[in-house]
Amino acid sequence: MEQVRNIVILTGAGVSAESGIGTFRDAGGLWENHRVEDVATPEAFARDPDLVFRFYDMRREQVLEVEPNAAHHALARLQREWPARSGGAVMLVTQNVDDLHDRALGASDGAEVIHMHGEHLSAWCTACDARTRWTASLIDSPPCPSCGAPALRPDIVWFGEMPYRMDEIFAALEEADLFVSIGTSGAVYPAAGFVRTAADMGAHTLELNLQPSQGTDWFDEARHGPATQTVPAWVEEMLQG
């Protein structure tokens, strides 16, 4: 592999699983006998908002009870140290809607986490388009702190909606020397296609996952095992190499 400057990292549920965050498809993909799609679509919200609010209120409470694990902290270390070491950049894109990457990173100049699928600890006002950090329940339709309208919904990208900041992500993929996918199934698009976009632009590609994903064969290299083991080992290799 040639000299690496710019790195794009995509993370999925496998990074947060060891912190105790369950995936959307635990227990056979059901929640209180409802398909996940029935609580994670605009149509579901229009049909039964209380059901959707209860689902996300529960998920929000879960996020507040857990802590970042060794994989989150290792990636935060890479984000903090890599630019000075290489002269390049690290873009961390997550499909996860928890804030564990953010907590591990803390207040680091120039470093951030792109939540392409939104965040549990954020509420979006459909009346004024404001987004507000949110840790309480939404089921009682509290007023928007910005405009006062009772129009808040979970700031989550539901099935059928466009993920956030895609232009920025694709621009970074075009400039990447290395693309790393961590803890993802390789089944959810458009994120599952990032590896091919990066490879087409000449990036080396690496998968770190508990087991081979659906897209393992698209990567130049794959390492399999728990994220709390594979990620810190890889980060140490990058920073000491």
C-alpha atoms as a PDB file:
ATOM      1  CA  MET A   1       0.000   0.000   0.000  1.00  0.00           C
ATOM      2  CA  GLU A   2       1.337   3.398  -0.985  1.00  0.00           C
ATOM      3  CA  GLN A   3       1.723   6.274   1.438  1.00  0.00           C
ATOM      4  CA  VAL A   4      -1.619   7.031   3.084  1.00  0.00           C
ATOM      5  CA  ARG A   5      -2.691  10.600   3.785  1.00  0.00           C
ATOM      6  CA  ASN A   6      -6.477  10.797   3.582  1.00  0.00           C
ATOM      7  CA  ILE A   7      -8.599   8.178   5.322  1.00  0.00           C
ATOM      8  CA  VAL A   8     -12.364   7.687   5.200  1.00  0.00           C
ATOM      9  CA  ILE A   9     -13.806   5.398   7.870  1.00  0.00           C
ATOM     10  CA  LEU A  10     -17.348   4.035   7.817  1.00  0.00           C
ATOM     11  CA  THR A  11     -18.704   2.473  11.006  1.00  0.00           C
ATOM     12  CA  GLY A  12     -21.833   0.456  11.671  1.00  0.00           C
ATOM     13  CA  ALA A  13     -23.602  -1.369  14.459  1.00  0.00           C
ATOM     14  CA  GLY A  14     -20.684  -3.702  15.142  1.00  0.00           C
ATOM     15  CA  VAL A  15     -18.675  -0.846  16.655  1.00  0.00           C
ATOM     16  CA  SER A  16     -21.297  -0.051  19.303  1.00  0.00           C
ATOM     17  CA  ALA A  17     -22.529  -3.595  19.949  1.00  0.00           C
ATOM     18  CA  GLU A  18     -19.850  -4.227  22.573  1.00  0.00           C
ATOM     19  CA  SER A  19     -21.046  -1.135  24.455  1.00  0.00           C
ATOM     20  CA  GLY A  20     -24.476  -2.738  24.752  1.00  0.00           C
ATOM     21  CA  ILE A  21     -26.261  -0.977  21.900  1.00  0.00           C
ATOM     22  CA  GLY A  22     -28.611  -3.446  20.242  1.00  0.00           C
ATOM     23  CA  THR A  23     -29.092  -3.345  16.492  1.00  0.00           C
ATOM     24  CA  PHE A  24     -32.406  -2.451  14.876  1.00  0.00           C
ATOM     25  CA  ARG A  25     -32.793  -6.069  13.891  1.00  0.00           C
ATOM     26  CA  ASP A  26     -32.305  -7.764  17.229  1.00  0.00           C
ATOM     27  CA  ALA A  27     -34.810 -10.446  18.175  1.00  0.00           C
ATOM     28  CA  GLY A  28     -35.689 -11.308  14.601  1.00  0.00           C
ATOM     29  CA  GLY A  29     -36.233  -7.738  13.482  1.00  0.00           C
ATOM     30  CA  LEU A  30     -39.304  -7.231  15.652  1.00  0.00           C
ATOM     31  CA  TRP A  31     -40.111  -4.650  18.316  1.00  0.00           C
ATOM     32  CA  GLU A  32     -43.244  -5.299  20.392  1.00  0.00           C
ATOM     33  CA  ASN A  33     -44.446  -7.524  17.520  1.00  0.00           C
ATOM     34  CA  HIS A  34     -43.964  -4.744  14.975  1.00  0.00           C
ATOM     35  CA  ARG A  35     -41.537  -4.895  12.077  1.00  0.00           C
ATOM     36  CA  VAL A  36     -38.776  -2.333  12.377  1.00  0.00           C
ATOM     37  CA  GLU A  37     -39.966  -0.851   9.089  1.00  0.00           C
ATOM     38  CA  ASP A  38     -43.282  -0.119  10.816  1.00  0.00           C
ATOM     39  CA  VAL A  39     -41.595   2.193  13.323  1.00  0.00           C
ATOM     40  CA  ALA A  40     -38.891   3.637  11.073  1.00  0.00           C
ATOM     41  CA  THR A  41     -40.632   5.123   8.043  1.00  0.00           C
ATOM     42  CA  PRO A  42     -42.381   8.439   7.385  1.00  0.00           C
ATOM     43  CA  GLU A  43     -45.555   6.449   6.665  1.00  0.00           C
ATOM     44  CA  ALA A  44     -45.376   4.716  10.045  1.00  0.00           C
ATOM     45  CA  PHE A  45     -44.967   8.072  11.788  1.00  0.00           C
ATOM     46  CA  ALA A  46     -47.981   9.505   9.991  1.00  0.00           C
ATOM     47  CA  ARG A  47     -50.049   6.418  10.812  1.00  0.00           C
ATOM     48  CA  ASP A  48     -49.133   5.934  14.489  1.00  0.00           C
ATOM     49  CA  PRO A  49     -46.813   8.645  15.863  1.00  0.00           C
ATOM     50  CA  ASP A  50     -47.112   7.442  19.458  1.00  0.00           C
ATOM     51  CA  LEU A  51     -45.787   4.009  18.502  1.00  0.00           C
ATOM     52  CA  VAL A  52     -42.821   5.606  16.738  1.00  0.00           C
ATOM     53  CA  PHE A  53     -42.177   8.008  19.619  1.00  0.00           C
ATOM     54  CA  ARG A  54     -42.201   5.124  22.135  1.00  0.00           C
ATOM     55  CA  PHE A  55     -39.717   3.191  20.029  1.00  0.00           C
ATOM     56  CA  TYR A  56     -37.279   6.107  19.782  1.00  0.00           C
ATOM     57  CA  ASP A  57     -37.780   7.212  23.383  1.00  0.00           C
ATOM     58  CA  MET A  58     -36.682   3.718  24.410  1.00  0.00           C
ATOM     59  CA  ARG A  59     -33.662   3.795  22.099  1.00  0.00           C
ATOM     60  CA  ARG A  60     -32.672   7.257  23.359  1.00  0.00           C
ATOM     61  CA  GLU A  61     -32.753   6.056  26.961  1.00  0.00           C
ATOM     62  CA  GLN A  62     -30.524   3.135  26.024  1.00  0.00           C
ATOM     63  CA  VAL A  63     -27.921   5.407  24.455  1.00  0.00           C
ATOM     64  CA  LEU A  64     -27.746   7.508  27.614  1.00  0.00           C
ATOM     65  CA  GLU A  65     -26.989   4.412  29.706  1.00  0.00           C
ATOM     66  CA  VAL A  66     -23.927   3.134  27.807  1.00  0.00           C
ATOM     67  CA  GLU A  67     -20.336   4.265  27.336  1.00  0.00           C
ATOM     68  CA  PRO A  68     -17.830   4.315  24.452  1.00  0.00           C
ATOM     69  CA  ASN A  69     -15.720   1.188  24.176  1.00  0.00           C
ATOM     70  CA  ALA A  70     -12.105   0.578  23.127  1.00  0.00           C
ATOM     71  CA  ALA A  71     -12.981   0.765  19.419  1.00  0.00           C
ATOM     72  CA  HIS A  72     -14.575   4.215  19.785  1.00  0.00           C
ATOM     73  CA  HIS A  73     -11.591   5.482  21.772  1.00  0.00           C
ATOM     74  CA  ALA A  74      -9.085   4.079  19.280  1.00  0.00           C
ATOM     75  CA  LEU A  75     -10.816   5.791  16.359  1.00  0.00           C
ATOM     76  CA  ALA A  76     -10.957   9.055  18.304  1.00  0.00           C
ATOM     77  CA  ARG A  77      -7.216   8.763  18.898  1.00  0.00           C
ATOM     78  CA  LEU A  78      -6.663   8.277  15.170  1.00  0.00           C
ATOM     79  CA  GLN A  79      -8.760  11.339  14.364  1.00  0.00           C
ATOM     80  CA  ARG A  80      -6.790  13.440  16.826  1.00  0.00           C
ATOM     81  CA  GLU A  81      -3.288  12.253  15.916  1.00  0.00           C
ATOM     82  CA  TRP A  82      -3.359  11.343  12.216  1.00  0.00           C
ATOM     83  CA  PRO A  83      -3.483  14.842  10.655  1.00  0.00           C
ATOM     84  CA  ALA A  84      -0.305  15.999  12.420  1.00  0.00           C
ATOM     85  CA  ARG A  85       1.441  12.727  11.656  1.00  0.00           C
ATOM     86  CA  SER A  86       0.545  12.438   7.974  1.00  0.00           C
ATOM     87  CA  GLY A  87      -0.525  15.858   6.785  1.00  0.00           C
ATOM     88  CA  GLY A  88      -3.782  14.245   5.698  1.00  0.00           C
ATOM     89  CA  ALA A  89      -7.290  13.986   7.067  1.00  0.00           C
ATOM     90  CA  VAL A  90      -9.580  11.418   8.658  1.00  0.00           C
ATOM     91  CA  MET A  91     -13.294  11.544   7.897  1.00  0.00           C
ATOM     92  CA  LEU A  92     -15.324   9.369  10.258  1.00  0.00           C
ATOM     93  CA  VAL A  93     -18.771   8.550   8.887  1.00  0.00           C
ATOM     94  CA  THR A  94     -21.127   6.473  10.992  1.00  0.00           C
ATOM     95  CA  GLN A  95     -24.392   4.741  10.241  1.00  0.00           C
ATOM     96  CA  ASN A  96     -24.958   4.549  13.999  1.00  0.00           C
ATOM     97  CA  VAL A  97     -27.387   6.954  15.620  1.00  0.00           C
ATOM     98  CA  ASP A  98     -25.788   6.836  19.070  1.00  0.00           C
ATOM     99  CA  ASP A  99     -23.274   9.464  20.240  1.00  0.00           C
ATOM    100  CA  LEU A 100     -20.504   7.118  21.363  1.00  0.00           C
ATOM    101  CA  HIS A 101     -18.015   8.250  18.708  1.00  0.00           C
ATOM    102  CA  ASP A 102     -18.695  11.874  19.672  1.00  0.00           C
ATOM    103  CA  ARG A 103     -18.180  11.208  23.363  1.00  0.00           C
ATOM    104  CA  ALA A 104     -14.921   9.378  22.717  1.00  0.00           C
ATOM    105  CA  LEU A 105     -13.682  12.201  20.482  1.00  0.00           C
ATOM    106  CA  GLY A 106     -14.615  15.006  22.840  1.00  0.00           C
ATOM    107  CA  ALA A 107     -13.796  18.563  21.809  1.00  0.00           C
ATOM    108  CA  SER A 108     -11.079  18.057  19.197  1.00  0.00           C
ATOM    109  CA  ASP A 109     -10.196  20.899  16.852  1.00  0.00           C
ATOM    110  CA  GLY A 110     -11.074  20.095  13.261  1.00  0.00           C
ATOM    111  CA  ALA A 111     -12.360  16.589  13.990  1.00  0.00           C
ATOM    112  CA  GLU A 112     -15.985  15.550  13.855  1.00  0.00           C
ATOM    113  CA  VAL A 113     -18.302  12.613  13.320  1.00  0.00           C
ATOM    114  CA  ILE A 114     -20.692  12.606  10.370  1.00  0.00           C
ATOM    115  CA  HIS A 115     -23.946  10.902  11.354  1.00  0.00           C
ATOM    116  CA  MET A 116     -25.304   9.965   7.951  1.00  0.00           C
ATOM    117  CA  HIS A 117     -28.424   8.381   9.481  1.00  0.00           C
ATOM    118  CA  GLY A 118     -29.086  11.045  12.105  1.00  0.00           C
ATOM    119  CA  GLU A 119     -28.814  10.975  15.892  1.00  0.00           C
ATOM    120  CA  HIS A 120     -30.956   9.699  18.763  1.00  0.00           C
ATOM    121  CA  LEU A 121     -29.946  12.668  20.914  1.00  0.00           C
ATOM    122  CA  SER A 122     -31.293  15.188  18.425  1.00  0.00           C
ATOM    123  CA  ALA A 123     -34.818  16.329  17.603  1.00  0.00           C
ATOM    124  CA  TRP A 124     -35.810  17.841  14.271  1.00  0.00           C
ATOM    125  CA  CYS A 125     -38.573  20.418  13.968  1.00  0.00           C
ATOM    126  CA  THR A 126     -40.529  19.833  10.779  1.00  0.00           C
ATOM    127  CA  ALA A 127     -42.020  23.337  11.094  1.00  0.00           C
ATOM    128  CA  CYS A 128     -38.853  25.483  11.194  1.00  0.00           C
ATOM    129  CA  ASP A 129     -36.185  22.888  10.266  1.00  0.00           C
ATOM    130  CA  ALA A 130     -34.226  23.497  13.495  1.00  0.00           C
ATOM    131  CA  ARG A 131     -32.294  20.663  15.101  1.00  0.00           C
ATOM    132  CA  THR A 132     -31.909  20.577  18.876  1.00  0.00           C
ATOM    133  CA  ARG A 133     -29.950  18.292  21.182  1.00  0.00           C
ATOM    134  CA  TRP A 134     -32.606  16.198  22.898  1.00  0.00           C
ATOM    135  CA  THR A 135     -32.422  13.733  25.790  1.00  0.00           C
ATOM    136  CA  ALA A 136     -36.050  13.720  26.999  1.00  0.00           C
ATOM    137  CA  SER A 137     -39.173  11.993  25.702  1.00  0.00           C
ATOM    138  CA  LEU A 138     -40.918  13.191  22.552  1.00  0.00           C
ATOM    139  CA  ILE A 139     -44.191  11.322  22.986  1.00  0.00           C
ATOM    140  CA  ASP A 140     -46.033  14.279  24.546  1.00  0.00           C
ATOM    141  CA  SER A 141     -45.226  16.522  21.535  1.00  0.00           C
ATOM    142  CA  PRO A 142     -43.152  19.137  23.379  1.00  0.00           C
ATOM    143  CA  PRO A 143     -42.747  22.520  21.671  1.00  0.00           C
ATOM    144  CA  CYS A 144     -39.763  23.237  19.469  1.00  0.00           C
ATOM    145  CA  PRO A 145     -37.245  25.357  21.435  1.00  0.00           C
ATOM    146  CA  SER A 146     -36.703  27.499  18.339  1.00  0.00           C
ATOM    147  CA  CYS A 147     -40.218  28.226  17.072  1.00  0.00           C
ATOM    148  CA  GLY A 148     -42.601  26.805  19.683  1.00  0.00           C
ATOM    149  CA  ALA A 149     -44.454  24.530  17.277  1.00  0.00           C
ATOM    150  CA  PRO A 150     -45.355  21.015  18.474  1.00  0.00           C
ATOM    151  CA  ALA A 151     -43.636  19.605  15.413  1.00  0.00           C
ATOM    152  CA  LEU A 152     -40.611  17.709  16.734  1.00  0.00           C
ATOM    153  CA  ARG A 153     -39.719  14.245  15.443  1.00  0.00           C
ATOM    154  CA  PRO A 154     -36.671  12.034  15.950  1.00  0.00           C
ATOM    155  CA  ASP A 155     -33.756  13.376  13.922  1.00  0.00           C
ATOM    156  CA  ILE A 156     -33.310   9.982  12.294  1.00  0.00           C
ATOM    157  CA  VAL A 157     -33.067   9.092   8.611  1.00  0.00           C
ATOM    158  CA  TRP A 158     -35.908   6.635   8.123  1.00  0.00           C
ATOM    159  CA  PHE A 159     -36.292   4.046   5.399  1.00  0.00           C
ATOM    160  CA  GLY A 160     -36.992   5.893   2.162  1.00  0.00           C
ATOM    161  CA  GLU A 161     -35.292   9.128   3.260  1.00  0.00           C
ATOM    162  CA  MET A 162     -31.977  10.504   1.993  1.00  0.00           C
ATOM    163  CA  PRO A 163     -28.975  10.114   4.338  1.00  0.00           C
ATOM    164  CA  TYR A 164     -27.313  13.304   5.515  1.00  0.00           C
ATOM    165  CA  ARG A 165     -24.243  15.027   4.025  1.00  0.00           C
ATOM    166  CA  MET A 166     -23.841  12.663   1.095  1.00  0.00           C
ATOM    167  CA  ASP A 167     -22.088  15.265  -1.084  1.00  0.00           C
ATOM    168  CA  GLU A 168     -19.371  15.697   1.551  1.00  0.00           C
ATOM    169  CA  ILE A 169     -18.969  11.963   1.956  1.00  0.00           C
ATOM    170  CA  PHE A 170     -18.588  11.256  -1.754  1.00  0.00           C
ATOM    171  CA  ALA A 171     -16.140  14.151  -2.113  1.00  0.00           C
ATOM    172  CA  ALA A 172     -14.008  12.632   0.660  1.00  0.00           C
ATOM    173  CA  LEU A 173     -14.196   9.173  -0.924  1.00  0.00           C
ATOM    174  CA  GLU A 174     -12.826  10.633  -4.150  1.00  0.00           C
ATOM    175  CA  GLU A 175      -9.791  11.981  -2.262  1.00  0.00           C
ATOM    176  CA  ALA A 176      -9.247   8.961   0.004  1.00  0.00           C
ATOM    177  CA  ASP A 177      -6.049   6.937  -0.034  1.00  0.00           C
ATOM    178  CA  LEU A 178      -7.586   4.413   2.363  1.00  0.00           C
ATOM    179  CA  PHE A 179     -11.208   3.430   2.974  1.00  0.00           C
ATOM    180  CA  VAL A 180     -12.006   1.382   6.079  1.00  0.00           C
ATOM    181  CA  SER A 181     -15.366  -0.207   6.843  1.00  0.00           C
ATOM    182  CA  ILE A 182     -15.836  -1.236  10.473  1.00  0.00           C
ATOM    183  CA  GLY A 183     -18.673  -3.268  11.961  1.00  0.00           C
ATOM    184  CA  THR A 184     -21.035  -3.044   9.001  1.00  0.00           C
ATOM    185  CA  SER A 185     -23.200  -5.671   7.329  1.00  0.00           C
ATOM    186  CA  GLY A 186     -22.467  -4.501   3.806  1.00  0.00           C
ATOM    187  CA  ALA A 187     -26.185  -4.735   3.074  1.00  0.00           C
ATOM    188  CA  VAL A 188     -27.535  -1.193   3.563  1.00  0.00           C
ATOM    189  CA  TYR A 189     -27.176   1.257   0.696  1.00  0.00           C
ATOM    190  CA  PRO A 190     -25.869   3.763  -0.110  1.00  0.00           C
ATOM    191  CA  ALA A 191     -23.193   3.056   2.552  1.00  0.00           C
ATOM    192  CA  ALA A 192     -22.619  -0.475   1.267  1.00  0.00           C
ATOM    193  CA  GLY A 193     -21.467   1.007  -2.031  1.00  0.00           C
ATOM    194  CA  PHE A 194     -18.810   3.283  -0.539  1.00  0.00           C
ATOM    195  CA  VAL A 195     -16.121   0.609  -0.877  1.00  0.00           C
ATOM    196  CA  ARG A 196     -16.583   0.407  -4.634  1.00  0.00           C
ATOM    197  CA  THR A 197     -16.623   4.186  -5.000  1.00  0.00           C
ATOM    198  CA  ALA A 198     -13.359   4.459  -3.055  1.00  0.00           C
ATOM    199  CA  ALA A 199     -11.764   1.578  -4.951  1.00  0.00           C
ATOM    200  CA  ASP A 200     -12.739   3.085  -8.296  1.00  0.00           C
ATOM    201  CA  MET A 201     -10.876   6.248  -7.269  1.00  0.00           C
ATOM    202  CA  GLY A 202      -7.754   4.284  -6.391  1.00  0.00           C
ATOM    203  CA  ALA A 203      -8.058   3.907  -2.611  1.00  0.00           C
ATOM    204  CA  HIS A 204      -6.879   0.839  -0.749  1.00  0.00           C
ATOM    205  CA  THR A 205      -9.856  -0.744   1.033  1.00  0.00           C
ATOM    206  CA  LEU A 206      -9.974  -2.573   4.363  1.00  0.00           C
ATOM    207  CA  GLU A 207     -12.787  -4.321   6.205  1.00  0.00           C
ATOM    208  CA  LEU A 208     -12.726  -4.763   9.991  1.00  0.00           C
ATOM    209  CA  ASN A 209     -15.734  -6.803  11.034  1.00  0.00           C
ATOM    210  CA  LEU A 210     -16.766  -9.524  13.443  1.00  0.00           C
ATOM    211  CA  GLN A 211     -17.281 -11.836  10.489  1.00  0.00           C
ATOM    212  CA  PRO A 212     -17.224 -11.475   6.692  1.00  0.00           C
ATOM    213  CA  SER A 213     -19.848  -8.994   5.516  1.00  0.00           C
ATOM    214  CA  GLN A 214     -21.957  -9.306   2.397  1.00  0.00           C
ATOM    215  CA  GLY A 215     -19.390  -7.124   0.636  1.00  0.00           C
ATOM    216  CA  THR A 216     -16.171  -8.675   1.945  1.00  0.00           C
ATOM    217  CA  ASP A 217     -15.040  -9.696  -1.532  1.00  0.00           C
ATOM    218  CA  TRP A 218     -15.009  -6.038  -2.630  1.00  0.00           C
ATOM    219  CA  PHE A 219     -12.218  -5.163  -0.179  1.00  0.00           C
ATOM    220  CA  ASP A 220      -8.495  -5.434  -0.790  1.00  0.00           C
ATOM    221  CA  GLU A 221      -8.041  -6.691   2.757  1.00  0.00           C
ATOM    222  CA  ALA A 222     -10.281  -8.004   5.538  1.00  0.00           C
ATOM    223  CA  ARG A 223      -9.605  -8.655   9.215  1.00  0.00           C
ATOM    224  CA  HIS A 224     -12.248 -10.332  11.314  1.00  0.00           C
ATOM    225  CA  GLY A 225     -12.865 -10.320  15.058  1.00  0.00           C
ATOM    226  CA  PRO A 226     -14.463  -8.171  17.792  1.00  0.00           C
ATOM    227  CA  ALA A 227     -14.203  -4.438  17.140  1.00  0.00           C
ATOM    228  CA  THR A 228     -12.666  -3.820  20.562  1.00  0.00           C
ATOM    229  CA  GLN A 229      -9.720  -5.967  19.451  1.00  0.00           C
ATOM    230  CA  THR A 230      -9.331  -5.364  15.719  1.00  0.00           C
ATOM    231  CA  VAL A 231      -9.815  -1.593  15.741  1.00  0.00           C
ATOM    232  CA  PRO A 232      -7.283  -0.667  18.467  1.00  0.00           C
ATOM    233  CA  ALA A 233      -4.742  -3.017  16.866  1.00  0.00           C
ATOM    234  CA  TRP A 234      -5.222  -1.419  13.441  1.00  0.00           C
ATOM    235  CA  VAL A 235      -5.044   2.130  14.829  1.00  0.00           C
ATOM    236  CA  GLU A 236      -1.837   1.317  16.680  1.00  0.00           C
ATOM    237  CA  GLU A 237      -0.416  -0.117  13.459  1.00  0.00           C
ATOM    238  CA  MET A 238      -1.300   3.053  11.534  1.00  0.00           C
ATOM    239  CA  LEU A 239       0.133   5.439  14.137  1.00  0.00           C
ATOM    240  CA  GLN A 240       3.303   3.467  14.748  1.00  0.00           C
ATOM    241  CA  GLY A 241       3.953   2.400  11.146  1.00  0.00           C
END
